[in-house]
Amino acid sequence: MLDRDPLRVLFEQAGLPRHDLPEPLRAAYGGDLGFANPRLFANFVASVDGVVALPEGGESGHWISQGNEADRFVMGLLRACADAVIVGAGTLRKTPRALWHADAIYPEAAPL
């Protein structure tokens, strides 16, 4: 699983419906996940100076995050809890063969 200390949840509203995570995921995340219904996630990577997209060329999310393990782990959790994953047209054009499910972004946790 994560080759680092567990993530720290800085804030989460009390009393939210919980996703009961398997123990290894709970330990890596720092607890269970809670979400209000209905919900919508907007998840993207930004550089320190606020860049979220590059003009031309490669896929900017990976270029900016450098494949950060904790980032991929959280994206995998969000995708595993999602009813649908929507990606932008530019992202789809730059990565037409990408798979947008939890197993693809963080395969280390796929069995869980």
PDB file of N, CA and C in Angstrom:
ATOM      1  N   MET A   1       0.851  -1.188   0.000  1.00  0.00           N
ATOM      2  CA  MET A   1       0.000   0.000   0.000  1.00  0.00           C
ATOM      3  C   MET A   1       0.885   1.234   0.000  1.00  0.00           C
ATOM      4  N   LEU A   2       0.427   2.330   0.505  1.00  0.00           N
ATOM      5  CA  LEU A   2       1.206   3.559   0.467  1.00  0.00           C
ATOM      6  C   LEU A   2       2.545   3.373   1.164  1.00  0.00           C
ATOM      7  N   ASP A   3       3.590   3.793   0.481  1.00  0.00           N
ATOM      8  CA  ASP A   3       4.934   3.674   1.033  1.00  0.00           C
ATOM      9  C   ASP A   3       5.265   4.960   1.796  1.00  0.00           C
ATOM     10  N   ARG A   4       4.424   5.269   2.770  1.00  0.00           N
ATOM     11  CA  ARG A   4       4.572   6.511   3.537  1.00  0.00           C
ATOM     12  C   ARG A   4       3.624   6.445   4.724  1.00  0.00           C
ATOM     13  N   ASP A   5       3.636   7.477   5.562  1.00  0.00           N
ATOM     14  CA  ASP A   5       2.689   7.555   6.671  1.00  0.00           C
ATOM     15  C   ASP A   5       1.282   7.713   6.119  1.00  0.00           C
ATOM     16  N   PRO A   6       0.262   7.327   6.904  1.00  0.00           N
ATOM     17  CA  PRO A   6      -1.119   7.520   6.436  1.00  0.00           C
ATOM     18  C   PRO A   6      -1.400   8.996   6.154  1.00  0.00           C
ATOM     19  N   LEU A   7      -2.327   9.235   5.242  1.00  0.00           N
ATOM     20  CA  LEU A   7      -2.763  10.602   4.977  1.00  0.00           C
ATOM     21  C   LEU A   7      -3.455  11.145   6.218  1.00  0.00           C
ATOM     22  N   ARG A   8      -3.502  12.449   6.358  1.00  0.00           N
ATOM     23  CA  ARG A   8      -4.221  13.060   7.473  1.00  0.00           C
ATOM     24  C   ARG A   8      -5.435  13.788   6.914  1.00  0.00           C
ATOM     25  N   VAL A   9      -6.604  13.427   7.404  1.00  0.00           N
ATOM     26  CA  VAL A   9      -7.826  14.122   7.019  1.00  0.00           C
ATOM     27  C   VAL A   9      -7.864  15.409   7.837  1.00  0.00           C
ATOM     28  N   LEU A  10      -7.846  16.550   7.150  1.00  0.00           N
ATOM     29  CA  LEU A  10      -7.804  17.832   7.850  1.00  0.00           C
ATOM     30  C   LEU A  10      -9.180  18.271   8.326  1.00  0.00           C
ATOM     31  N   PHE A  11     -10.223  17.927   7.575  1.00  0.00           N
ATOM     32  CA  PHE A  11     -11.576  18.275   7.982  1.00  0.00           C
ATOM     33  C   PHE A  11     -12.552  17.348   7.291  1.00  0.00           C
ATOM     34  N   GLU A  12     -13.551  16.900   8.024  1.00  0.00           N
ATOM     35  CA  GLU A  12     -14.662  16.154   7.460  1.00  0.00           C
ATOM     36  C   GLU A  12     -15.868  16.400   8.341  1.00  0.00           C
ATOM     37  N   GLN A  13     -16.964  16.778   7.734  1.00  0.00           N
ATOM     38  CA  GLN A  13     -18.191  17.048   8.472  1.00  0.00           C
ATOM     39  C   GLN A  13     -18.637  15.791   9.214  1.00  0.00           C
ATOM     40  N   ALA A  14     -19.046  15.952  10.452  1.00  0.00           N
ATOM     41  CA  ALA A  14     -19.506  14.819  11.257  1.00  0.00           C
ATOM     42  C   ALA A  14     -20.858  14.314  10.761  1.00  0.00           C
ATOM     43  N   GLY A  15     -21.104  13.025  10.931  1.00  0.00           N
ATOM     44  CA  GLY A  15     -22.403  12.441  10.650  1.00  0.00           C
ATOM     45  C   GLY A  15     -22.686  12.112   9.198  1.00  0.00           C
ATOM     46  N   LEU A  16     -21.689  12.151   8.328  1.00  0.00           N
ATOM     47  CA  LEU A  16     -21.897  11.833   6.919  1.00  0.00           C
ATOM     48  C   LEU A  16     -22.041  10.325   6.732  1.00  0.00           C
ATOM     49  N   PRO A  17     -22.804   9.899   5.705  1.00  0.00           N
ATOM     50  CA  PRO A  17     -22.831   8.468   5.392  1.00  0.00           C
ATOM     51  C   PRO A  17     -21.409   7.987   5.105  1.00  0.00           C
ATOM     52  N   ARG A  18     -21.081   6.801   5.573  1.00  0.00           N
ATOM     53  CA  ARG A  18     -19.715   6.295   5.480  1.00  0.00           C
ATOM     54  C   ARG A  18     -19.583   5.244   4.389  1.00  0.00           C
ATOM     55  N   HIS A  19     -18.415   5.233   3.751  1.00  0.00           N
ATOM     56  CA  HIS A  19     -18.000   4.113   2.908  1.00  0.00           C
ATOM     57  C   HIS A  19     -17.102   3.274   3.797  1.00  0.00           C
ATOM     58  N   ASP A  20     -17.543   2.091   4.125  1.00  0.00           N
ATOM     59  CA  ASP A  20     -16.726   1.223   4.967  1.00  0.00           C
ATOM     60  C   ASP A  20     -15.585   0.670   4.117  1.00  0.00           C
ATOM     61  N   LEU A  21     -14.393   1.119   4.392  1.00  0.00           N
ATOM     62  CA  LEU A  21     -13.218   0.697   3.637  1.00  0.00           C
ATOM     63  C   LEU A  21     -12.602  -0.539   4.273  1.00  0.00           C
ATOM     64  N   PRO A  22     -12.009  -1.409   3.457  1.00  0.00           N
ATOM     65  CA  PRO A  22     -11.236  -2.516   4.028  1.00  0.00           C
ATOM     66  C   PRO A  22     -10.104  -1.947   4.891  1.00  0.00           C
ATOM     67  N   GLU A  23      -9.686  -2.673   5.898  1.00  0.00           N
ATOM     68  CA  GLU A  23      -8.700  -2.165   6.858  1.00  0.00           C
ATOM     69  C   GLU A  23      -7.435  -1.604   6.219  1.00  0.00           C
ATOM     70  N   PRO A  24      -6.827  -2.257   5.213  1.00  0.00           N
ATOM     71  CA  PRO A  24      -5.618  -1.660   4.631  1.00  0.00           C
ATOM     72  C   PRO A  24      -5.870  -0.284   3.998  1.00  0.00           C
ATOM     73  N   LEU A  25      -7.026  -0.101   3.365  1.00  0.00           N
ATOM     74  CA  LEU A  25      -7.352   1.208   2.785  1.00  0.00           C
ATOM     75  C   LEU A  25      -7.644   2.218   3.889  1.00  0.00           C
ATOM     76  N   ARG A  26      -8.365   1.788   4.928  1.00  0.00           N
ATOM     77  CA  ARG A  26      -8.667   2.671   6.057  1.00  0.00           C
ATOM     78  C   ARG A  26      -7.374   3.145   6.720  1.00  0.00           C
ATOM     79  N   ALA A  27      -6.424   2.236   6.891  1.00  0.00           N
ATOM     80  CA  ALA A  27      -5.151   2.591   7.527  1.00  0.00           C
ATOM     81  C   ALA A  27      -4.356   3.574   6.667  1.00  0.00           C
ATOM     82  N   ALA A  28      -4.339   3.366   5.351  1.00  0.00           N
ATOM     83  CA  ALA A  28      -3.582   4.249   4.461  1.00  0.00           C
ATOM     84  C   ALA A  28      -4.234   5.627   4.350  1.00  0.00           C
ATOM     85  N   TYR A  29      -5.583   5.649   4.347  1.00  0.00           N
ATOM     86  CA  TYR A  29      -6.300   6.924   4.209  1.00  0.00           C
ATOM     87  C   TYR A  29      -6.375   7.678   5.531  1.00  0.00           C
ATOM     88  N   GLY A  30      -6.408   6.941   6.625  1.00  0.00           N
ATOM     89  CA  GLY A  30      -6.531   7.574   7.934  1.00  0.00           C
ATOM     90  C   GLY A  30      -7.946   7.499   8.473  1.00  0.00           C
ATOM     91  N   GLY A  31      -8.764   6.571   7.973  1.00  0.00           N
ATOM     92  CA  GLY A  31     -10.137   6.388   8.427  1.00  0.00           C
ATOM     93  C   GLY A  31     -11.051   6.059   7.268  1.00  0.00           C
ATOM     94  N   ASP A  32     -12.360   5.970   7.553  1.00  0.00           N
ATOM     95  CA  ASP A  32     -13.340   5.742   6.493  1.00  0.00           C
ATOM     96  C   ASP A  32     -13.633   7.053   5.781  1.00  0.00           C
ATOM     97  N   LEU A  33     -14.269   6.953   4.624  1.00  0.00           N
ATOM     98  CA  LEU A  33     -14.688   8.127   3.860  1.00  0.00           C
ATOM     99  C   LEU A  33     -16.145   8.439   4.162  1.00  0.00           C
ATOM    100  N   GLY A  34     -16.484   9.712   4.231  1.00  0.00           N
ATOM    101  CA  GLY A  34     -17.875  10.118   4.402  1.00  0.00           C
ATOM    102  C   GLY A  34     -18.252  11.149   3.352  1.00  0.00           C
ATOM    103  N   PHE A  35     -19.416  10.982   2.747  1.00  0.00           N
ATOM    104  CA  PHE A  35     -19.881  11.896   1.709  1.00  0.00           C
ATOM    105  C   PHE A  35     -21.346  12.216   1.914  1.00  0.00           C
ATOM    106  N   ALA A  36     -21.710  13.477   1.682  1.00  0.00           N
ATOM    107  CA  ALA A  36     -23.117  13.869   1.678  1.00  0.00           C
ATOM    108  C   ALA A  36     -23.718  13.461   0.333  1.00  0.00           C
ATOM    109  N   ASN A  37     -25.033  13.284   0.288  1.00  0.00           N
ATOM    110  CA  ASN A  37     -25.724  12.960  -0.963  1.00  0.00           C
ATOM    111  C   ASN A  37     -26.624  14.106  -1.368  1.00  0.00           C
ATOM    112  N   PRO A  38     -26.763  14.452  -2.629  1.00  0.00           N
ATOM    113  CA  PRO A  38     -25.913  13.999  -3.729  1.00  0.00           C
ATOM    114  C   PRO A  38     -24.549  14.656  -3.629  1.00  0.00           C
ATOM    115  N   ARG A  39     -23.606  14.184  -4.413  1.00  0.00           N
ATOM    116  CA  ARG A  39     -22.252  14.730  -4.351  1.00  0.00           C
ATOM    117  C   ARG A  39     -21.632  14.779  -5.743  1.00  0.00           C
ATOM    118  N   LEU A  40     -20.686  15.678  -5.888  1.00  0.00           N
ATOM    119  CA  LEU A  40     -19.926  15.837  -7.120  1.00  0.00           C
ATOM    120  C   LEU A  40     -18.497  16.166  -6.723  1.00  0.00           C
ATOM    121  N   PHE A  41     -17.536  15.447  -7.278  1.00  0.00           N
ATOM    122  CA  PHE A  41     -16.125  15.718  -7.015  1.00  0.00           C
ATOM    123  C   PHE A  41     -15.525  16.411  -8.222  1.00  0.00           C
ATOM    124  N   ALA A  42     -14.701  17.375  -7.975  1.00  0.00           N
ATOM    125  CA  ALA A  42     -13.847  17.947  -9.014  1.00  0.00           C
ATOM    126  C   ALA A  42     -12.428  17.688  -8.536  1.00  0.00           C
ATOM    127  N   ASN A  43     -11.726  16.832  -9.237  1.00  0.00           N
ATOM    128  CA  ASN A  43     -10.391  16.436  -8.802  1.00  0.00           C
ATOM    129  C   ASN A  43      -9.413  16.689  -9.933  1.00  0.00           C
ATOM    130  N   PHE A  44      -8.420  17.504  -9.666  1.00  0.00           N
ATOM    131  CA  PHE A  44      -7.383  17.768 -10.655  1.00  0.00           C
ATOM    132  C   PHE A  44      -6.118  18.166  -9.933  1.00  0.00           C
ATOM    133  N   VAL A  45      -5.032  18.142 -10.640  1.00  0.00           N
ATOM    134  CA  VAL A  45      -3.738  18.493 -10.082  1.00  0.00           C
ATOM    135  C   VAL A  45      -3.405  19.908 -10.511  1.00  0.00           C
ATOM    136  N   ALA A  46      -2.838  20.676  -9.594  1.00  0.00           N
ATOM    137  CA  ALA A  46      -2.391  22.035  -9.920  1.00  0.00           C
ATOM    138  C   ALA A  46      -0.984  22.219  -9.381  1.00  0.00           C
ATOM    139  N   SER A  47      -0.181  22.965 -10.107  1.00  0.00           N
ATOM    140  CA  SER A  47       1.154  23.282  -9.619  1.00  0.00           C
ATOM    141  C   SER A  47       1.053  24.365  -8.555  1.00  0.00           C
ATOM    142  N   VAL A  48       2.153  24.639  -7.881  1.00  0.00           N
ATOM    143  CA  VAL A  48       2.169  25.651  -6.828  1.00  0.00           C
ATOM    144  C   VAL A  48       1.699  27.008  -7.345  1.00  0.00           C
ATOM    145  N   ASP A  49       2.023  27.316  -8.604  1.00  0.00           N
ATOM    146  CA  ASP A  49       1.615  28.607  -9.171  1.00  0.00           C
ATOM    147  C   ASP A  49       0.245  28.555  -9.844  1.00  0.00           C
ATOM    148  N   GLY A  50      -0.506  27.465  -9.661  1.00  0.00           N
ATOM    149  CA  GLY A  50      -1.880  27.392 -10.139  1.00  0.00           C
ATOM    150  C   GLY A  50      -2.069  26.821 -11.526  1.00  0.00           C
ATOM    151  N   VAL A  51      -1.020  26.319 -12.163  1.00  0.00           N
ATOM    152  CA  VAL A  51      -1.152  25.747 -13.496  1.00  0.00           C
ATOM    153  C   VAL A  51      -1.898  24.424 -13.398  1.00  0.00           C
ATOM    154  N   VAL A  52      -2.955  24.261 -14.205  1.00  0.00           N
ATOM    155  CA  VAL A  52      -3.692  23.006 -14.241  1.00  0.00           C
ATOM    156  C   VAL A  52      -3.663  22.369 -15.621  1.00  0.00           C
ATOM    157  N   ALA A  53      -3.198  23.096 -16.616  1.00  0.00           N
ATOM    158  CA  ALA A  53      -3.118  22.557 -17.974  1.00  0.00           C
ATOM    159  C   ALA A  53      -1.919  23.145 -18.695  1.00  0.00           C
ATOM    160  N   LEU A  54      -1.359  22.357 -19.577  1.00  0.00           N
ATOM    161  CA  LEU A  54      -0.236  22.805 -20.390  1.00  0.00           C
ATOM    162  C   LEU A  54      -0.747  23.102 -21.792  1.00  0.00           C
ATOM    163  N   PRO A  55      -0.131  24.062 -22.508  1.00  0.00           N
ATOM    164  CA  PRO A  55      -0.636  24.457 -23.823  1.00  0.00           C
ATOM    165  C   PRO A  55      -0.741  23.305 -24.815  1.00  0.00           C
ATOM    166  N   GLU A  56       0.328  22.659 -25.155  1.00  0.00           N
ATOM    167  CA  GLU A  56       0.336  21.564 -26.118  1.00  0.00           C
ATOM    168  C   GLU A  56       1.241  20.465 -25.602  1.00  0.00           C
ATOM    169  N   GLY A  57       1.007  19.289 -26.070  1.00  0.00           N
ATOM    170  CA  GLY A  57       1.915  18.206 -25.702  1.00  0.00           C
ATOM    171  C   GLY A  57       1.292  17.204 -24.770  1.00  0.00           C
ATOM    172  N   GLY A  58       2.053  16.775 -23.783  1.00  0.00           N
ATOM    173  CA  GLY A  58       1.657  15.679 -22.905  1.00  0.00           C
ATOM    174  C   GLY A  58       0.508  15.978 -21.979  1.00  0.00           C
ATOM    175  N   GLU A  59       0.134  14.963 -21.271  1.00  0.00           N
ATOM    176  CA  GLU A  59      -0.975  15.036 -20.312  1.00  0.00           C
ATOM    177  C   GLU A  59      -0.488  15.789 -19.082  1.00  0.00           C
ATOM    178  N   SER A  60      -1.106  16.909 -18.758  1.00  0.00           N
ATOM    179  CA  SER A  60      -0.601  17.813 -17.728  1.00  0.00           C
ATOM    180  C   SER A  60      -0.733  17.269 -16.310  1.00  0.00           C
ATOM    181  N   GLY A  61      -1.758  16.489 -16.010  1.00  0.00           N
ATOM    182  CA  GLY A  61      -1.933  15.970 -14.652  1.00  0.00           C
ATOM    183  C   GLY A  61      -0.736  15.165 -14.200  1.00  0.00           C
ATOM    184  N   HIS A  62      -0.275  14.250 -15.036  1.00  0.00           N
ATOM    185  CA  HIS A  62       0.887  13.442 -14.670  1.00  0.00           C
ATOM    186  C   HIS A  62       2.153  14.288 -14.648  1.00  0.00           C
ATOM    187  N   TRP A  63       2.280  15.215 -15.584  1.00  0.00           N
ATOM    188  CA  TRP A  63       3.466  16.062 -15.632  1.00  0.00           C
ATOM    189  C   TRP A  63       3.585  16.888 -14.356  1.00  0.00           C
ATOM    190  N   ILE A  64       2.469  17.430 -13.866  1.00  0.00           N
ATOM    191  CA  ILE A  64       2.493  18.271 -12.669  1.00  0.00           C
ATOM    192  C   ILE A  64       2.651  17.426 -11.406  1.00  0.00           C
ATOM    193  N   SER A  65       1.903  16.327 -11.289  1.00  0.00           N
ATOM    194  CA  SER A  65       1.956  15.518 -10.065  1.00  0.00           C
ATOM    195  C   SER A  65       3.148  14.573 -10.030  1.00  0.00           C
ATOM    196  N   GLN A  66       3.755  14.313 -11.197  1.00  0.00           N
ATOM    197  CA  GLN A  66       4.874  13.379 -11.293  1.00  0.00           C
ATOM    198  C   GLN A  66       4.491  11.986 -10.793  1.00  0.00           C
ATOM    199  N   GLY A  67       3.208  11.617 -10.954  1.00  0.00           N
ATOM    200  CA  GLY A  67       2.761  10.296 -10.542  1.00  0.00           C
ATOM    201  C   GLY A  67       2.769  10.093  -9.038  1.00  0.00           C
ATOM    202  N   ASN A  68       2.613  11.164  -8.277  1.00  0.00           N
ATOM    203  CA  ASN A  68       2.653  11.104  -6.815  1.00  0.00           C
ATOM    204  C   ASN A  68       1.756   9.987  -6.288  1.00  0.00           C
ATOM    205  N   GLU A  69       2.321   9.123  -5.453  1.00  0.00           N
ATOM    206  CA  GLU A  69       1.595   7.955  -4.958  1.00  0.00           C
ATOM    207  C   GLU A  69       0.356   8.331  -4.140  1.00  0.00           C
ATOM    208  N   ALA A  70       0.470   9.293  -3.240  1.00  0.00           N
ATOM    209  CA  ALA A  70      -0.679   9.690  -2.423  1.00  0.00           C
ATOM    210  C   ALA A  70      -1.783  10.285  -3.294  1.00  0.00           C
ATOM    211  N   ASP A  71      -1.425  11.054  -4.315  1.00  0.00           N
ATOM    212  CA  ASP A  71      -2.400  11.620  -5.239  1.00  0.00           C
ATOM    213  C   ASP A  71      -3.139  10.511  -5.980  1.00  0.00           C
ATOM    214  N   ARG A  72      -2.400   9.525  -6.493  1.00  0.00           N
ATOM    215  CA  ARG A  72      -3.030   8.417  -7.205  1.00  0.00           C
ATOM    216  C   ARG A  72      -3.923   7.599  -6.270  1.00  0.00           C
ATOM    217  N   PHE A  73      -3.496   7.422  -5.022  1.00  0.00           N
ATOM    218  CA  PHE A  73      -4.284   6.677  -4.036  1.00  0.00           C
ATOM    219  C   PHE A  73      -5.633   7.352  -3.784  1.00  0.00           C
ATOM    220  N   VAL A  74      -5.618   8.664  -3.525  1.00  0.00           N
ATOM    221  CA  VAL A  74      -6.870   9.391  -3.269  1.00  0.00           C
ATOM    222  C   VAL A  74      -7.759   9.375  -4.515  1.00  0.00           C
ATOM    223  N   MET A  75      -7.171   9.550  -5.696  1.00  0.00           N
ATOM    224  CA  MET A  75      -7.972   9.486  -6.925  1.00  0.00           C
ATOM    225  C   MET A  75      -8.608   8.108  -7.073  1.00  0.00           C
ATOM    226  N   GLY A  76      -7.878   7.056  -6.718  1.00  0.00           N
ATOM    227  CA  GLY A  76      -8.437   5.709  -6.765  1.00  0.00           C
ATOM    228  C   GLY A  76      -9.607   5.548  -5.810  1.00  0.00           C
ATOM    229  N   LEU A  77      -9.485   6.075  -4.592  1.00  0.00           N
ATOM    230  CA  LEU A  77     -10.598   6.002  -3.632  1.00  0.00           C
ATOM    231  C   LEU A  77     -11.827   6.750  -4.164  1.00  0.00           C
ATOM    232  N   LEU A  78     -11.612   7.947  -4.686  1.00  0.00           N
ATOM    233  CA  LEU A  78     -12.736   8.721  -5.227  1.00  0.00           C
ATOM    234  C   LEU A  78     -13.401   7.987  -6.385  1.00  0.00           C
ATOM    235  N   ARG A  79     -12.597   7.425  -7.277  1.00  0.00           N
ATOM    236  CA  ARG A  79     -13.162   6.691  -8.413  1.00  0.00           C
ATOM    237  C   ARG A  79     -13.897   5.443  -7.951  1.00  0.00           C
ATOM    238  N   ALA A  80     -13.385   4.766  -6.926  1.00  0.00           N
ATOM    239  CA  ALA A  80     -14.048   3.559  -6.420  1.00  0.00           C
ATOM    240  C   ALA A  80     -15.409   3.880  -5.802  1.00  0.00           C
ATOM    241  N   CYS A  81     -15.581   5.084  -5.286  1.00  0.00           N
ATOM    242  CA  CYS A  81     -16.840   5.491  -4.654  1.00  0.00           C
ATOM    243  C   CYS A  81     -17.798   6.170  -5.637  1.00  0.00           C
ATOM    244  N   ALA A  82     -17.334   6.428  -6.853  1.00  0.00           N
ATOM    245  CA  ALA A  82     -18.120   7.202  -7.816  1.00  0.00           C
ATOM    246  C   ALA A  82     -19.099   6.335  -8.595  1.00  0.00           C
ATOM    247  N   ASP A  83     -20.246   6.927  -8.946  1.00  0.00           N
ATOM    248  CA  ASP A  83     -21.178   6.278  -9.862  1.00  0.00           C
ATOM    249  C   ASP A  83     -20.741   6.481 -11.311  1.00  0.00           C
ATOM    250  N   ALA A  84     -20.029   7.575 -11.566  1.00  0.00           N
ATOM    251  CA  ALA A  84     -19.539   7.881 -12.914  1.00  0.00           C
ATOM    252  C   ALA A  84     -18.293   8.747 -12.797  1.00  0.00           C
ATOM    253  N   VAL A  85     -17.420   8.636 -13.771  1.00  0.00           N
ATOM    254  CA  VAL A  85     -16.225   9.475 -13.860  1.00  0.00           C
ATOM    255  C   VAL A  85     -16.293  10.199 -15.191  1.00  0.00           C
ATOM    256  N   ILE A  86     -16.219  11.507 -15.141  1.00  0.00           N
ATOM    257  CA  ILE A  86     -16.275  12.322 -16.351  1.00  0.00           C
ATOM    258  C   ILE A  86     -14.922  13.006 -16.507  1.00  0.00           C
ATOM    259  N   VAL A  87     -14.375  12.973 -17.701  1.00  0.00           N
ATOM    260  CA  VAL A  87     -13.108  13.642 -17.968  1.00  0.00           C
ATOM    261  C   VAL A  87     -13.319  14.703 -19.043  1.00  0.00           C
ATOM    262  N   GLY A  88     -12.482  15.711 -19.022  1.00  0.00           N
ATOM    263  CA  GLY A  88     -12.565  16.776 -20.009  1.00  0.00           C
ATOM    264  C   GLY A  88     -12.121  16.313 -21.382  1.00  0.00           C
ATOM    265  N   ALA A  89     -12.589  17.010 -22.403  1.00  0.00           N
ATOM    266  CA  ALA A  89     -12.278  16.650 -23.780  1.00  0.00           C
ATOM    267  C   ALA A  89     -10.776  16.727 -24.055  1.00  0.00           C
ATOM    268  N   GLY A  90     -10.100  17.736 -23.505  1.00  0.00           N
ATOM    269  CA  GLY A  90      -8.659  17.862 -23.718  1.00  0.00           C
ATOM    270  C   GLY A  90      -7.900  16.701 -23.106  1.00  0.00           C
ATOM    271  N   THR A  91      -8.303  16.293 -21.915  1.00  0.00           N
ATOM    272  CA  THR A  91      -7.678  15.147 -21.254  1.00  0.00           C
ATOM    273  C   THR A  91      -7.912  13.883 -22.066  1.00  0.00           C
ATOM    274  N   LEU A  92      -9.107  13.693 -22.554  1.00  0.00           N
ATOM    275  CA  LEU A  92      -9.429  12.514 -23.360  1.00  0.00           C
ATOM    276  C   LEU A  92      -8.618  12.493 -24.654  1.00  0.00           C
ATOM    277  N   ARG A  93      -8.470  13.648 -25.297  1.00  0.00           N
ATOM    278  CA  ARG A  93      -7.677  13.707 -26.530  1.00  0.00           C
ATOM    279  C   ARG A  93      -6.207  13.379 -26.262  1.00  0.00           C
ATOM    280  N   LYS A  94      -5.677  13.829 -25.124  1.00  0.00           N
ATOM    281  CA  LYS A  94      -4.267  13.592 -24.815  1.00  0.00           C
ATOM    282  C   LYS A  94      -4.003  12.172 -24.325  1.00  0.00           C
ATOM    283  N   THR A  95      -5.016  11.509 -23.785  1.00  0.00           N
ATOM    284  CA  THR A  95      -4.842  10.148 -23.261  1.00  0.00           C
ATOM    285  C   THR A  95      -6.005   9.269 -23.719  1.00  0.00           C
ATOM    286  N   PRO A  96      -6.132   9.041 -25.026  1.00  0.00           N
ATOM    287  CA  PRO A  96      -7.309   8.334 -25.547  1.00  0.00           C
ATOM    288  C   PRO A  96      -7.427   6.880 -25.104  1.00  0.00           C
ATOM    289  N   ARG A  97      -6.346   6.268 -24.672  1.00  0.00           N
ATOM    290  CA  ARG A  97      -6.411   4.865 -24.253  1.00  0.00           C
ATOM    291  C   ARG A  97      -6.468   4.701 -22.735  1.00  0.00           C
ATOM    292  N   ALA A  98      -6.571   5.795 -22.014  1.00  0.00           N
ATOM    293  CA  ALA A  98      -6.600   5.729 -20.548  1.00  0.00           C
ATOM    294  C   ALA A  98      -7.874   5.050 -20.066  1.00  0.00           C
ATOM    295  N   LEU A  99      -7.759   4.374 -18.952  1.00  0.00           N
ATOM    296  CA  LEU A  99      -8.919   3.771 -18.284  1.00  0.00           C
ATOM    297  C   LEU A  99      -9.193   4.613 -17.046  1.00  0.00           C
ATOM    298  N   TRP A 100     -10.440   4.967 -16.825  1.00  0.00           N
ATOM    299  CA  TRP A 100     -10.788   5.939 -15.787  1.00  0.00           C
ATOM    300  C   TRP A 100     -11.445   5.263 -14.591  1.00  0.00           C
ATOM    301  N   HIS A 101     -10.894   4.143 -14.149  1.00  0.00           N
ATOM    302  CA  HIS A 101     -11.435   3.477 -12.959  1.00  0.00           C
ATOM    303  C   HIS A 101     -10.343   3.337 -11.911  1.00  0.00           C
ATOM    304  N   ALA A 102     -10.747   2.975 -10.711  1.00  0.00           N
ATOM    305  CA  ALA A 102      -9.825   2.936  -9.575  1.00  0.00           C
ATOM    306  C   ALA A 102      -8.634   2.018  -9.812  1.00  0.00           C
ATOM    307  N   ASP A 103      -8.868   0.866 -10.428  1.00  0.00           N
ATOM    308  CA  ASP A 103      -7.783  -0.089 -10.655  1.00  0.00           C
ATOM    309  C   ASP A 103      -6.691   0.488 -11.539  1.00  0.00           C
ATOM    310  N   ALA A 104      -7.057   1.354 -12.471  1.00  0.00           N
ATOM    311  CA  ALA A 104      -6.080   1.900 -13.418  1.00  0.00           C
ATOM    312  C   ALA A 104      -5.201   2.968 -12.762  1.00  0.00           C
ATOM    313  N   ILE A 105      -5.755   3.784 -11.892  1.00  0.00           N
ATOM    314  CA  ILE A 105      -4.987   4.882 -11.318  1.00  0.00           C
ATOM    315  C   ILE A 105      -4.135   4.417 -10.133  1.00  0.00           C
ATOM    316  N   TYR A 106      -4.606   3.407  -9.399  1.00  0.00           N
ATOM    317  CA  TYR A 106      -3.831   2.904  -8.256  1.00  0.00           C
ATOM    318  C   TYR A 106      -3.968   1.382  -8.187  1.00  0.00           C
ATOM    319  N   PRO A 107      -3.274   0.674  -9.091  1.00  0.00           N
ATOM    320  CA  PRO A 107      -3.427  -0.781  -9.167  1.00  0.00           C
ATOM    321  C   PRO A 107      -3.002  -1.524  -7.907  1.00  0.00           C
ATOM    322  N   GLU A 108      -2.159  -0.912  -7.079  1.00  0.00           N
ATOM    323  CA  GLU A 108      -1.706  -1.573  -5.857  1.00  0.00           C
ATOM    324  C   GLU A 108      -2.877  -1.935  -4.936  1.00  0.00           C
ATOM    325  N   ALA A 109      -3.970  -1.171  -5.002  1.00  0.00           N
ATOM    326  CA  ALA A 109      -5.127  -1.423  -4.133  1.00  0.00           C
ATOM    327  C   ALA A 109      -6.252  -2.146  -4.860  1.00  0.00           C
ATOM    328  N   ALA A 110      -6.044  -2.543  -6.102  1.00  0.00           N
ATOM    329  CA  ALA A 110      -7.097  -3.180  -6.893  1.00  0.00           C
ATOM    330  C   ALA A 110      -7.752  -4.379  -6.187  1.00  0.00           C
ATOM    331  N   PRO A 111      -6.992  -5.253  -5.534  1.00  0.00           N
ATOM    332  CA  PRO A 111      -7.641  -6.389  -4.863  1.00  0.00           C
ATOM    333  C   PRO A 111      -8.571  -5.988  -3.720  1.00  0.00           C
ATOM    334  N   LEU A 112      -8.386  -4.767  -3.205  1.00  0.00           N
ATOM    335  CA  LEU A 112      -9.195  -4.324  -2.074  1.00  0.00           C
ATOM    336  C   LEU A 112     -10.447  -3.633  -2.528  1.00  0.00           C
TER     337      LEU A 112
END
